[in-house]
Every structure is written in structure tokens, then in C-alpha cells.
Amino acid sequence: MNQGFDAGVEPGGLYSSHEIKLLIGYLLIGAGEPMPRGDVLDVICGGGMANFFDTSAAIDELIQLDNLIEQDDGTLLLTETGSQAASLLADRLPYTLRERSVAAALRLLSRRRHERDNDVTIVPAEGTNGFVVTCTVGKEQPPLLSFSLLVADEYQADMVRENFLRDPLLLYQSTLSVLTGGVQSATADRLVLELG
């Protein structure tokens, strides 16, 4: 192994071109939809499953072998042959690596959908050093939910953005439940316990 190309590969990661190609196929099958090349690289390389150069080369080889198609929009789509090969040979990969890759791909796809279907804007607050973060659930008019928060700094603004985009519908459902009386407040619960 050339140590220059080992950087970022965690123990149990892949170095064999054949195994990396299988992992790419398995990941795309598990994701259930085409993914951009950059997202496939983020999942595999960002997760320490293989290095960037080997993964990029494996994608190119899969395209040359007609196991993978890079579509006009830049997404990677398995061909029928590529899908069959990945399905038949996937058990040659460590189980934990297979599961980790699919879970990471599904999280990334979910995040991309949340970014596409919802909005977050961050602007400096006038007269303060803070920022106003406006989060909007849904793109339709009127939106399902829209709110603005004043936060102290850019770090907090980014944290609000990240946490909102993790699961905007959960926030909507929770807010609706609290505002319609579906959830008792913690104060009311404490009073019941103290008086009971």
C-alpha cells in the first residue's frame, strides 16, 4: 500500500479497486435513486471507506464498463448489468461497511430533499452584532410554517440552520402539536405532580 493514498481511510476500509466498485454499486442500489458523483464521493471518502483517488477511478471504470451511466444532470445511475453484479457480489464486502454506506447515502439524500423543499435565510440584524435566521417549512404559498429567530452570532445562526434542515417536518409537527394543545407543557406537568 502506498501511504500517500491511505490518508483518510479508516481501519476496515477498502483499497481494492474491485471492492470499491462493488461498494459504489451497493450504495446506489441501497439509495434507491441516482446520486451525483460528488455525493457518492462524499459518502465513501467522507466516511473513511476508501480514498478519493481510488473511488474516483472506480467510478470512471464502472462507466467505461457500462455498469454505470453518468446522466446529463451529473447523477450516477447503475445499468442493469451493474445492478446485477453489485447485488450478486455484495456479500464479498464487510456487512458493517455495506450498512454504513447505505445509511450515510440515505441521510445525505434526505438532507438534499430538505434543502430543496425548505428555506433558511441568514441576514445580519440591524443595530446589533447578531443575525436573523428565517426558517420556512415548504415552498408553497403560504408555507406550512415560517419563523424568524434573532441569534447572537454567525455560529449560532449556522447551528440553527443545520438543526432545522436535519428534520424540518419534525419541527412543524412538534410546533403544531404544542400550539393546538396536543402536548402539555412541562410546567403544567410539574403542577399536576406537585398538586397530585
N, C-alpha and C. Protein backbone atom coordinates (compact mmCIF):
# COMPACT_ATOMS: atom_id res chain seq x y z
N MET A 1 0.83 -1.18 0.00
CA MET A 1 0.00 0.00 0.00
C MET A 1 0.87 1.24 0.00
N ASN A 2 0.51 2.22 -0.81
CA ASN A 2 1.21 3.49 -0.84
C ASN A 2 0.60 4.39 0.21
N GLN A 3 1.40 4.77 1.21
CA GLN A 3 0.84 5.53 2.33
C GLN A 3 0.29 6.88 1.91
N GLY A 4 0.78 7.43 0.79
CA GLY A 4 0.24 8.69 0.31
C GLY A 4 -1.23 8.58 -0.07
N PHE A 5 -1.67 7.38 -0.43
CA PHE A 5 -3.05 7.20 -0.85
C PHE A 5 -3.91 6.55 0.24
N ASP A 6 -3.31 6.35 1.41
CA ASP A 6 -4.06 5.76 2.52
C ASP A 6 -4.75 6.80 3.38
N ALA A 7 -4.41 8.06 3.18
CA ALA A 7 -4.93 9.13 4.03
C ALA A 7 -6.46 9.13 4.01
N GLY A 8 -7.02 9.16 5.21
CA GLY A 8 -8.47 9.25 5.33
C GLY A 8 -9.21 7.92 5.31
N VAL A 9 -8.52 6.83 5.01
CA VAL A 9 -9.18 5.51 5.00
C VAL A 9 -9.10 4.93 6.41
N GLU A 10 -10.25 4.67 6.97
CA GLU A 10 -10.32 4.15 8.33
C GLU A 10 -10.02 2.65 8.33
N PRO A 11 -9.64 2.10 9.51
CA PRO A 11 -9.44 0.65 9.59
C PRO A 11 -10.69 -0.08 9.11
N GLY A 12 -10.48 -1.10 8.29
CA GLY A 12 -11.60 -1.83 7.71
C GLY A 12 -12.05 -1.24 6.39
N GLY A 13 -11.43 -0.13 5.97
CA GLY A 13 -11.76 0.50 4.70
C GLY A 13 -11.23 -0.32 3.54
N LEU A 14 -11.59 0.10 2.34
CA LEU A 14 -11.27 -0.66 1.14
C LEU A 14 -10.11 -0.04 0.35
N TYR A 15 -9.28 -0.91 -0.21
CA TYR A 15 -8.17 -0.47 -1.06
C TYR A 15 -8.24 -1.11 -2.44
N SER A 16 -8.93 -2.22 -2.55
CA SER A 16 -9.04 -2.94 -3.81
C SER A 16 -10.04 -2.25 -4.73
N SER A 17 -9.63 -2.03 -5.98
CA SER A 17 -10.49 -1.40 -6.97
C SER A 17 -11.79 -2.20 -7.13
N HIS A 18 -11.68 -3.51 -7.15
CA HIS A 18 -12.85 -4.38 -7.31
C HIS A 18 -13.85 -4.16 -6.16
N GLU A 19 -13.34 -4.14 -4.92
CA GLU A 19 -14.23 -3.95 -3.77
C GLU A 19 -14.86 -2.55 -3.77
N ILE A 20 -14.09 -1.55 -4.15
CA ILE A 20 -14.63 -0.19 -4.18
C ILE A 20 -15.75 -0.10 -5.22
N LYS A 21 -15.57 -0.74 -6.37
CA LYS A 21 -16.62 -0.75 -7.39
C LYS A 21 -17.87 -1.44 -6.87
N LEU A 22 -17.71 -2.53 -6.14
CA LEU A 22 -18.86 -3.21 -5.55
C LEU A 22 -19.57 -2.31 -4.54
N LEU A 23 -18.77 -1.59 -3.75
CA LEU A 23 -19.37 -0.70 -2.75
C LEU A 23 -20.16 0.42 -3.42
N ILE A 24 -19.65 0.96 -4.50
CA ILE A 24 -20.37 2.01 -5.23
C ILE A 24 -21.71 1.46 -5.73
N GLY A 25 -21.67 0.28 -6.32
CA GLY A 25 -22.91 -0.34 -6.80
C GLY A 25 -23.89 -0.62 -5.68
N TYR A 26 -23.39 -1.16 -4.57
CA TYR A 26 -24.26 -1.48 -3.44
C TYR A 26 -24.88 -0.21 -2.86
N LEU A 27 -24.09 0.85 -2.76
CA LEU A 27 -24.56 2.12 -2.24
C LEU A 27 -25.69 2.67 -3.11
N LEU A 28 -25.51 2.62 -4.44
CA LEU A 28 -26.54 3.14 -5.34
C LEU A 28 -27.82 2.29 -5.31
N ILE A 29 -27.66 0.99 -5.16
CA ILE A 29 -28.84 0.12 -5.01
C ILE A 29 -29.59 0.49 -3.73
N GLY A 30 -28.85 0.62 -2.63
CA GLY A 30 -29.45 0.94 -1.33
C GLY A 30 -30.09 2.31 -1.30
N ALA A 31 -29.50 3.27 -2.01
CA ALA A 31 -30.06 4.62 -2.04
C ALA A 31 -31.39 4.63 -2.77
N GLY A 32 -31.54 3.76 -3.76
CA GLY A 32 -32.80 3.65 -4.48
C GLY A 32 -33.03 4.73 -5.52
N GLU A 33 -32.03 5.54 -5.77
CA GLU A 33 -32.15 6.59 -6.79
C GLU A 33 -30.75 7.01 -7.22
N PRO A 34 -30.65 7.61 -8.41
CA PRO A 34 -29.33 8.09 -8.86
C PRO A 34 -28.80 9.16 -7.90
N MET A 35 -27.48 9.23 -7.78
CA MET A 35 -26.85 10.22 -6.93
C MET A 35 -25.76 10.94 -7.70
N PRO A 36 -25.54 12.22 -7.44
CA PRO A 36 -24.43 12.92 -8.08
C PRO A 36 -23.09 12.30 -7.70
N ARG A 37 -22.14 12.35 -8.61
CA ARG A 37 -20.79 11.82 -8.36
C ARG A 37 -20.22 12.38 -7.05
N GLY A 38 -20.38 13.69 -6.85
CA GLY A 38 -19.84 14.32 -5.65
C GLY A 38 -20.43 13.75 -4.37
N ASP A 39 -21.72 13.41 -4.40
CA ASP A 39 -22.35 12.84 -3.21
C ASP A 39 -21.85 11.42 -2.94
N VAL A 40 -21.65 10.64 -4.01
CA VAL A 40 -21.10 9.28 -3.84
C VAL A 40 -19.70 9.38 -3.24
N LEU A 41 -18.90 10.30 -3.75
CA LEU A 41 -17.55 10.51 -3.21
C LEU A 41 -17.61 10.97 -1.76
N ASP A 42 -18.54 11.87 -1.44
CA ASP A 42 -18.68 12.35 -0.06
C ASP A 42 -19.00 11.20 0.89
N VAL A 43 -19.93 10.34 0.49
CA VAL A 43 -20.33 9.23 1.36
C VAL A 43 -19.16 8.27 1.58
N ILE A 44 -18.53 7.86 0.49
CA ILE A 44 -17.47 6.84 0.61
C ILE A 44 -16.19 7.41 1.20
N CYS A 45 -15.74 8.53 0.67
CA CYS A 45 -14.47 9.10 1.14
C CYS A 45 -14.64 9.82 2.47
N GLY A 46 -15.74 10.56 2.61
CA GLY A 46 -16.01 11.26 3.87
C GLY A 46 -16.23 10.30 5.02
N GLY A 47 -16.70 9.11 4.71
CA GLY A 47 -16.92 8.09 5.73
C GLY A 47 -15.70 7.22 5.98
N GLY A 48 -14.58 7.53 5.32
CA GLY A 48 -13.35 6.77 5.53
C GLY A 48 -13.39 5.36 4.98
N MET A 49 -14.30 5.09 4.01
CA MET A 49 -14.45 3.74 3.46
C MET A 49 -13.44 3.44 2.37
N ALA A 50 -12.96 4.47 1.69
CA ALA A 50 -11.93 4.34 0.65
C ALA A 50 -11.40 5.74 0.38
N ASN A 51 -10.26 5.83 -0.32
CA ASN A 51 -9.73 7.17 -0.57
C ASN A 51 -10.33 7.76 -1.84
N PHE A 52 -10.17 9.06 -1.96
CA PHE A 52 -10.79 9.82 -3.05
C PHE A 52 -10.31 9.36 -4.42
N PHE A 53 -9.00 9.18 -4.58
CA PHE A 53 -8.44 8.84 -5.90
C PHE A 53 -8.90 7.47 -6.38
N ASP A 54 -8.87 6.49 -5.48
CA ASP A 54 -9.32 5.14 -5.85
C ASP A 54 -10.81 5.12 -6.16
N THR A 55 -11.59 5.88 -5.40
CA THR A 55 -13.04 5.91 -5.62
C THR A 55 -13.37 6.60 -6.93
N SER A 56 -12.70 7.70 -7.22
CA SER A 56 -12.91 8.40 -8.49
C SER A 56 -12.57 7.50 -9.67
N ALA A 57 -11.44 6.79 -9.56
CA ALA A 57 -11.02 5.88 -10.62
C ALA A 57 -12.02 4.74 -10.78
N ALA A 58 -12.56 4.24 -9.66
CA ALA A 58 -13.54 3.14 -9.72
C ALA A 58 -14.81 3.60 -10.43
N ILE A 59 -15.25 4.83 -10.17
CA ILE A 59 -16.44 5.37 -10.85
C ILE A 59 -16.18 5.43 -12.35
N ASP A 60 -15.02 5.95 -12.73
CA ASP A 60 -14.68 6.04 -14.15
C ASP A 60 -14.64 4.66 -14.81
N GLU A 61 -14.07 3.68 -14.11
CA GLU A 61 -14.02 2.32 -14.66
C GLU A 61 -15.41 1.73 -14.83
N LEU A 62 -16.29 1.96 -13.84
CA LEU A 62 -17.66 1.45 -13.95
C LEU A 62 -18.39 2.07 -15.14
N ILE A 63 -18.12 3.33 -15.41
CA ILE A 63 -18.72 3.99 -16.57
C ILE A 63 -18.17 3.38 -17.86
N GLN A 64 -16.86 3.16 -17.91
CA GLN A 64 -16.24 2.57 -19.11
C GLN A 64 -16.73 1.16 -19.36
N LEU A 65 -17.03 0.43 -18.30
CA LEU A 65 -17.51 -0.96 -18.43
C LEU A 65 -19.02 -1.04 -18.65
N ASP A 66 -19.68 0.11 -18.78
CA ASP A 66 -21.13 0.18 -18.96
C ASP A 66 -21.91 -0.41 -17.78
N ASN A 67 -21.32 -0.31 -16.59
CA ASN A 67 -22.03 -0.71 -15.37
C ASN A 67 -22.68 0.49 -14.71
N LEU A 68 -22.28 1.67 -15.16
CA LEU A 68 -22.74 2.91 -14.56
C LEU A 68 -22.88 3.94 -15.67
N ILE A 69 -23.89 4.77 -15.56
CA ILE A 69 -24.10 5.85 -16.53
C ILE A 69 -24.06 7.17 -15.77
N GLU A 70 -23.28 8.12 -16.30
CA GLU A 70 -23.32 9.47 -15.74
C GLU A 70 -24.30 10.25 -16.60
N GLN A 71 -25.46 10.58 -16.02
CA GLN A 71 -26.53 11.23 -16.77
C GLN A 71 -26.22 12.71 -17.01
N ASP A 72 -27.02 13.33 -17.86
CA ASP A 72 -26.81 14.74 -18.22
C ASP A 72 -26.81 15.67 -17.00
N ASP A 73 -27.59 15.31 -15.98
CA ASP A 73 -27.65 16.15 -14.78
C ASP A 73 -26.52 15.86 -13.79
N GLY A 74 -25.60 14.96 -14.19
CA GLY A 74 -24.44 14.65 -13.35
C GLY A 74 -24.66 13.54 -12.36
N THR A 75 -25.86 12.95 -12.34
CA THR A 75 -26.11 11.86 -11.41
C THR A 75 -25.63 10.54 -11.98
N LEU A 76 -25.26 9.63 -11.10
CA LEU A 76 -24.80 8.30 -11.48
C LEU A 76 -25.94 7.31 -11.35
N LEU A 77 -26.14 6.54 -12.40
CA LEU A 77 -27.22 5.56 -12.46
C LEU A 77 -26.63 4.20 -12.81
N LEU A 78 -26.93 3.19 -12.01
CA LEU A 78 -26.47 1.83 -12.32
C LEU A 78 -27.23 1.29 -13.53
N THR A 79 -26.51 0.64 -14.41
CA THR A 79 -27.18 -0.07 -15.50
C THR A 79 -27.70 -1.39 -14.93
N GLU A 80 -28.47 -2.11 -15.73
CA GLU A 80 -28.98 -3.40 -15.26
C GLU A 80 -27.83 -4.36 -14.96
N THR A 81 -26.81 -4.36 -15.81
CA THR A 81 -25.64 -5.22 -15.59
C THR A 81 -24.92 -4.84 -14.30
N GLY A 82 -24.73 -3.54 -14.09
CA GLY A 82 -24.06 -3.07 -12.88
C GLY A 82 -24.84 -3.41 -11.63
N SER A 83 -26.15 -3.30 -11.72
CA SER A 83 -27.01 -3.62 -10.58
C SER A 83 -26.96 -5.10 -10.24
N GLN A 84 -26.99 -5.95 -11.28
CA GLN A 84 -26.92 -7.40 -11.06
C GLN A 84 -25.59 -7.79 -10.44
N ALA A 85 -24.50 -7.24 -10.96
CA ALA A 85 -23.17 -7.56 -10.43
C ALA A 85 -23.05 -7.13 -8.96
N ALA A 86 -23.50 -5.92 -8.65
CA ALA A 86 -23.41 -5.44 -7.28
C ALA A 86 -24.28 -6.28 -6.34
N SER A 87 -25.45 -6.67 -6.79
CA SER A 87 -26.34 -7.49 -5.96
C SER A 87 -25.76 -8.87 -5.69
N LEU A 88 -25.21 -9.48 -6.74
CA LEU A 88 -24.67 -10.84 -6.61
C LEU A 88 -23.40 -10.90 -5.78
N LEU A 89 -22.58 -9.86 -5.87
CA LEU A 89 -21.26 -9.91 -5.24
C LEU A 89 -21.14 -9.08 -3.97
N ALA A 90 -22.22 -8.45 -3.56
CA ALA A 90 -22.17 -7.55 -2.40
C ALA A 90 -21.72 -8.24 -1.13
N ASP A 91 -22.01 -9.53 -0.98
CA ASP A 91 -21.63 -10.22 0.25
C ASP A 91 -20.12 -10.39 0.40
N ARG A 92 -19.37 -10.00 -0.62
CA ARG A 92 -17.90 -10.02 -0.51
C ARG A 92 -17.39 -8.81 0.27
N LEU A 93 -18.27 -7.85 0.50
CA LEU A 93 -17.91 -6.66 1.27
C LEU A 93 -18.30 -6.88 2.73
N PRO A 94 -17.56 -6.27 3.65
CA PRO A 94 -17.95 -6.39 5.07
C PRO A 94 -19.36 -5.83 5.29
N TYR A 95 -20.14 -6.54 6.07
CA TYR A 95 -21.53 -6.16 6.33
C TYR A 95 -21.61 -4.74 6.89
N THR A 96 -20.76 -4.42 7.88
CA THR A 96 -20.84 -3.10 8.52
C THR A 96 -20.55 -1.99 7.51
N LEU A 97 -19.65 -2.22 6.59
CA LEU A 97 -19.33 -1.23 5.57
C LEU A 97 -20.51 -1.02 4.62
N ARG A 98 -21.15 -2.12 4.23
CA ARG A 98 -22.34 -2.01 3.37
C ARG A 98 -23.43 -1.20 4.05
N GLU A 99 -23.72 -1.54 5.29
CA GLU A 99 -24.79 -0.87 6.01
C GLU A 99 -24.47 0.59 6.27
N ARG A 100 -23.22 0.86 6.63
CA ARG A 100 -22.79 2.24 6.88
C ARG A 100 -22.91 3.10 5.63
N SER A 101 -22.54 2.53 4.49
CA SER A 101 -22.58 3.31 3.24
C SER A 101 -24.02 3.65 2.85
N VAL A 102 -24.92 2.70 2.98
CA VAL A 102 -26.32 2.95 2.61
C VAL A 102 -26.95 3.93 3.59
N ALA A 103 -26.68 3.77 4.88
CA ALA A 103 -27.24 4.70 5.87
C ALA A 103 -26.75 6.12 5.60
N ALA A 104 -25.47 6.28 5.29
CA ALA A 104 -24.92 7.61 5.01
C ALA A 104 -25.54 8.18 3.73
N ALA A 105 -25.73 7.34 2.71
CA ALA A 105 -26.34 7.81 1.46
C ALA A 105 -27.78 8.26 1.69
N LEU A 106 -28.54 7.51 2.47
CA LEU A 106 -29.93 7.87 2.75
C LEU A 106 -30.02 9.17 3.56
N ARG A 107 -29.10 9.35 4.51
CA ARG A 107 -29.07 10.60 5.28
C ARG A 107 -28.76 11.78 4.35
N LEU A 108 -27.81 11.59 3.46
CA LEU A 108 -27.44 12.66 2.54
C LEU A 108 -28.58 13.00 1.59
N LEU A 109 -29.25 11.99 1.05
CA LEU A 109 -30.39 12.23 0.16
C LEU A 109 -31.52 12.94 0.90
N SER A 110 -31.76 12.54 2.14
CA SER A 110 -32.79 13.19 2.94
C SER A 110 -32.44 14.66 3.17
N ARG A 111 -31.18 14.90 3.47
CA ARG A 111 -30.73 16.29 3.68
C ARG A 111 -30.91 17.11 2.41
N ARG A 112 -30.55 16.54 1.26
CA ARG A 112 -30.70 17.26 -0.01
C ARG A 112 -32.17 17.59 -0.28
N ARG A 113 -33.08 16.65 0.05
CA ARG A 113 -34.51 16.91 -0.12
C ARG A 113 -34.97 18.03 0.80
N HIS A 114 -34.49 18.01 2.04
CA HIS A 114 -34.86 19.06 2.99
C HIS A 114 -34.38 20.42 2.50
N GLU A 115 -33.17 20.47 1.95
CA GLU A 115 -32.65 21.73 1.42
C GLU A 115 -33.45 22.20 0.22
N ARG A 116 -33.89 21.27 -0.61
CA ARG A 116 -34.65 21.60 -1.82
C ARG A 116 -36.07 22.05 -1.49
N ASP A 117 -36.68 21.45 -0.47
CA ASP A 117 -38.09 21.68 -0.19
C ASP A 117 -38.36 22.74 0.88
N ASN A 118 -37.30 23.25 1.52
CA ASN A 118 -37.45 24.21 2.61
C ASN A 118 -36.40 25.31 2.45
N ASP A 119 -36.61 26.42 3.14
CA ASP A 119 -35.68 27.55 3.02
C ASP A 119 -35.16 27.99 4.37
N VAL A 120 -33.90 28.43 4.36
CA VAL A 120 -33.31 29.07 5.52
C VAL A 120 -32.53 30.28 5.01
N THR A 121 -32.83 31.45 5.56
CA THR A 121 -32.06 32.63 5.21
C THR A 121 -31.44 33.18 6.48
N ILE A 122 -30.22 33.69 6.34
CA ILE A 122 -29.48 34.27 7.46
C ILE A 122 -29.03 35.66 7.03
N VAL A 123 -29.46 36.67 7.78
CA VAL A 123 -29.07 38.05 7.46
C VAL A 123 -28.62 38.75 8.75
N PRO A 124 -27.67 39.68 8.62
CA PRO A 124 -27.26 40.45 9.81
C PRO A 124 -28.44 41.24 10.36
N ALA A 125 -28.55 41.29 11.68
CA ALA A 125 -29.62 42.04 12.33
C ALA A 125 -29.19 43.50 12.46
N GLU A 126 -30.06 44.38 12.05
CA GLU A 126 -29.74 45.81 12.12
C GLU A 126 -29.60 46.26 13.57
N GLY A 127 -28.57 47.06 13.83
CA GLY A 127 -28.37 47.64 15.15
C GLY A 127 -27.78 46.69 16.18
N THR A 128 -27.45 45.48 15.78
CA THR A 128 -26.84 44.52 16.71
C THR A 128 -25.71 43.79 16.00
N ASN A 129 -24.98 43.00 16.74
CA ASN A 129 -23.96 42.13 16.15
C ASN A 129 -24.53 40.77 15.78
N GLY A 130 -25.83 40.59 16.03
CA GLY A 130 -26.47 39.30 15.82
C GLY A 130 -26.95 39.08 14.39
N PHE A 131 -27.66 37.99 14.22
CA PHE A 131 -28.19 37.60 12.91
C PHE A 131 -29.64 37.18 13.07
N VAL A 132 -30.43 37.40 12.02
CA VAL A 132 -31.81 36.93 11.97
C VAL A 132 -31.84 35.71 11.07
N VAL A 133 -32.30 34.60 11.63
CA VAL A 133 -32.43 33.35 10.88
C VAL A 133 -33.91 33.13 10.63
N THR A 134 -34.29 33.02 9.36
CA THR A 134 -35.68 32.74 9.00
C THR A 134 -35.76 31.35 8.39
N CYS A 135 -36.55 30.50 9.02
CA CYS A 135 -36.72 29.11 8.57
C CYS A 135 -38.14 28.96 8.03
N THR A 136 -38.26 28.36 6.86
CA THR A 136 -39.56 28.18 6.23
C THR A 136 -39.74 26.72 5.85
N VAL A 137 -40.83 26.12 6.33
CA VAL A 137 -41.16 24.74 6.02
C VAL A 137 -42.08 24.74 4.80
N GLY A 138 -41.62 24.17 3.72
CA GLY A 138 -42.41 24.08 2.50
C GLY A 138 -42.21 25.28 1.60
N LYS A 139 -42.28 25.03 0.30
CA LYS A 139 -42.09 26.10 -0.69
C LYS A 139 -43.42 26.68 -1.17
N GLU A 140 -44.54 26.03 -0.83
CA GLU A 140 -45.83 26.52 -1.29
C GLU A 140 -46.18 27.82 -0.58
N GLN A 141 -47.14 28.56 -1.14
CA GLN A 141 -47.59 29.82 -0.54
C GLN A 141 -49.03 29.67 -0.10
N PRO A 142 -49.39 29.93 1.11
CA PRO A 142 -48.46 30.24 2.18
C PRO A 142 -47.72 28.98 2.63
N PRO A 143 -46.54 29.14 3.22
CA PRO A 143 -45.78 27.96 3.67
C PRO A 143 -46.46 27.30 4.87
N LEU A 144 -46.10 26.07 5.13
CA LEU A 144 -46.66 25.37 6.30
C LEU A 144 -46.30 26.09 7.59
N LEU A 145 -45.04 26.56 7.67
CA LEU A 145 -44.57 27.24 8.87
C LEU A 145 -43.40 28.12 8.48
N SER A 146 -43.38 29.33 9.02
CA SER A 146 -42.25 30.21 8.82
C SER A 146 -42.02 30.97 10.12
N PHE A 147 -40.77 31.05 10.54
CA PHE A 147 -40.44 31.78 11.77
C PHE A 147 -39.06 32.38 11.65
N SER A 148 -38.84 33.43 12.43
CA SER A 148 -37.54 34.10 12.45
C SER A 148 -37.02 34.13 13.87
N LEU A 149 -35.71 33.94 14.00
CA LEU A 149 -35.06 33.98 15.31
C LEU A 149 -33.91 34.97 15.26
N LEU A 150 -33.72 35.71 16.34
CA LEU A 150 -32.55 36.56 16.49
C LEU A 150 -31.53 35.77 17.29
N VAL A 151 -30.36 35.56 16.72
CA VAL A 151 -29.31 34.82 17.41
C VAL A 151 -28.09 35.71 17.57
N ALA A 152 -27.23 35.35 18.50
CA ALA A 152 -26.11 36.21 18.89
C ALA A 152 -25.00 36.33 17.86
N ASP A 153 -24.74 35.23 17.14
CA ASP A 153 -23.59 35.28 16.22
C ASP A 153 -23.78 34.31 15.06
N GLU A 154 -22.82 34.33 14.14
CA GLU A 154 -22.91 33.51 12.94
C GLU A 154 -22.85 32.01 13.27
N TYR A 155 -22.10 31.67 14.30
CA TYR A 155 -22.01 30.28 14.73
C TYR A 155 -23.39 29.74 15.12
N GLN A 156 -24.13 30.52 15.93
CA GLN A 156 -25.47 30.09 16.33
C GLN A 156 -26.41 30.05 15.13
N ALA A 157 -26.26 31.00 14.22
CA ALA A 157 -27.11 31.01 13.02
C ALA A 157 -26.89 29.74 12.21
N ASP A 158 -25.63 29.34 12.03
CA ASP A 158 -25.33 28.11 11.30
C ASP A 158 -25.87 26.89 12.03
N MET A 159 -25.80 26.90 13.36
CA MET A 159 -26.30 25.77 14.14
C MET A 159 -27.82 25.64 13.98
N VAL A 160 -28.53 26.78 14.02
CA VAL A 160 -29.99 26.75 13.82
C VAL A 160 -30.30 26.20 12.43
N ARG A 161 -29.57 26.67 11.42
CA ARG A 161 -29.78 26.21 10.04
C ARG A 161 -29.59 24.69 9.94
N GLU A 162 -28.49 24.19 10.49
CA GLU A 162 -28.19 22.76 10.41
C GLU A 162 -29.25 21.93 11.12
N ASN A 163 -29.63 22.35 12.31
CA ASN A 163 -30.62 21.58 13.07
C ASN A 163 -32.00 21.64 12.44
N PHE A 164 -32.36 22.79 11.86
CA PHE A 164 -33.63 22.89 11.16
C PHE A 164 -33.66 21.95 9.96
N LEU A 165 -32.59 21.97 9.16
CA LEU A 165 -32.58 21.15 7.94
C LEU A 165 -32.43 19.65 8.22
N ARG A 166 -32.08 19.30 9.43
CA ARG A 166 -31.99 17.88 9.78
C ARG A 166 -33.36 17.23 9.68
N ASP A 167 -34.42 17.93 10.16
CA ASP A 167 -35.77 17.37 10.08
C ASP A 167 -36.82 18.46 10.25
N PRO A 168 -37.05 19.26 9.19
CA PRO A 168 -37.99 20.36 9.30
C PRO A 168 -39.43 19.92 9.59
N LEU A 169 -39.84 18.76 9.10
CA LEU A 169 -41.21 18.30 9.35
C LEU A 169 -41.43 17.93 10.81
N LEU A 170 -40.38 17.45 11.47
CA LEU A 170 -40.50 17.15 12.90
C LEU A 170 -40.75 18.44 13.68
N LEU A 171 -40.04 19.50 13.30
CA LEU A 171 -40.25 20.80 13.94
C LEU A 171 -41.69 21.28 13.70
N TYR A 172 -42.16 21.15 12.47
CA TYR A 172 -43.53 21.56 12.14
C TYR A 172 -44.55 20.77 12.98
N GLN A 173 -44.39 19.45 13.01
CA GLN A 173 -45.33 18.60 13.75
C GLN A 173 -45.30 18.92 15.24
N SER A 174 -44.12 19.13 15.78
CA SER A 174 -43.99 19.45 17.21
C SER A 174 -44.61 20.80 17.53
N THR A 175 -44.34 21.79 16.69
CA THR A 175 -44.91 23.13 16.90
C THR A 175 -46.43 23.08 16.82
N LEU A 176 -46.95 22.40 15.81
CA LEU A 176 -48.40 22.28 15.66
C LEU A 176 -49.02 21.58 16.86
N SER A 177 -48.37 20.54 17.34
CA SER A 177 -48.88 19.80 18.49
C SER A 177 -48.91 20.67 19.73
N VAL A 178 -47.86 21.45 19.97
CA VAL A 178 -47.82 22.32 21.14
C VAL A 178 -48.87 23.42 21.02
N LEU A 179 -48.97 24.03 19.84
CA LEU A 179 -49.89 25.17 19.67
C LEU A 179 -51.35 24.76 19.63
N THR A 180 -51.67 23.53 19.29
CA THR A 180 -53.06 23.08 19.27
C THR A 180 -53.44 22.35 20.55
N GLY A 181 -52.52 22.30 21.51
CA GLY A 181 -52.84 21.68 22.79
C GLY A 181 -52.65 20.19 22.82
N GLY A 182 -52.02 19.63 21.82
CA GLY A 182 -51.79 18.20 21.77
C GLY A 182 -50.70 17.74 22.74
N VAL A 183 -49.90 18.69 23.21
CA VAL A 183 -48.82 18.38 24.15
C VAL A 183 -48.95 19.32 25.32
N GLN A 184 -48.93 18.76 26.54
CA GLN A 184 -48.96 19.60 27.73
C GLN A 184 -47.58 20.18 27.95
N SER A 185 -47.53 21.36 28.47
CA SER A 185 -46.23 21.97 28.75
C SER A 185 -45.59 21.30 29.96
N ALA A 186 -44.28 21.42 30.06
CA ALA A 186 -43.56 20.86 31.20
C ALA A 186 -44.02 21.50 32.50
N THR A 187 -44.36 22.80 32.47
CA THR A 187 -44.84 23.49 33.66
C THR A 187 -46.15 22.90 34.14
N ALA A 188 -47.06 22.64 33.20
CA ALA A 188 -48.35 22.04 33.57
C ALA A 188 -48.15 20.65 34.14
N ASP A 189 -47.25 19.87 33.58
CA ASP A 189 -46.96 18.53 34.10
C ASP A 189 -46.43 18.60 35.53
N ARG A 190 -45.53 19.58 35.79
CA ARG A 190 -44.97 19.72 37.14
C ARG A 190 -46.05 20.09 38.14
N LEU A 191 -46.97 21.00 37.74
CA LEU A 191 -48.04 21.41 38.65
C LEU A 191 -48.94 20.23 39.01
N VAL A 192 -49.25 19.40 38.02
CA VAL A 192 -50.09 18.22 38.28
C VAL A 192 -49.40 17.30 39.28
N LEU A 193 -48.09 17.10 39.11
CA LEU A 193 -47.36 16.23 40.03
C LEU A 193 -47.29 16.82 41.43
N GLU A 194 -47.08 18.14 41.52
CA GLU A 194 -46.95 18.77 42.82
C GLU A 194 -48.29 18.81 43.57
N LEU A 195 -49.38 19.05 42.83
CA LEU A 195 -50.69 19.14 43.47
C LEU A 195 -51.31 17.76 43.70
N GLY A 196 -50.86 16.78 42.91
CA GLY A 196 -51.45 15.46 42.98
C GLY A 196 -51.01 14.76 44.20
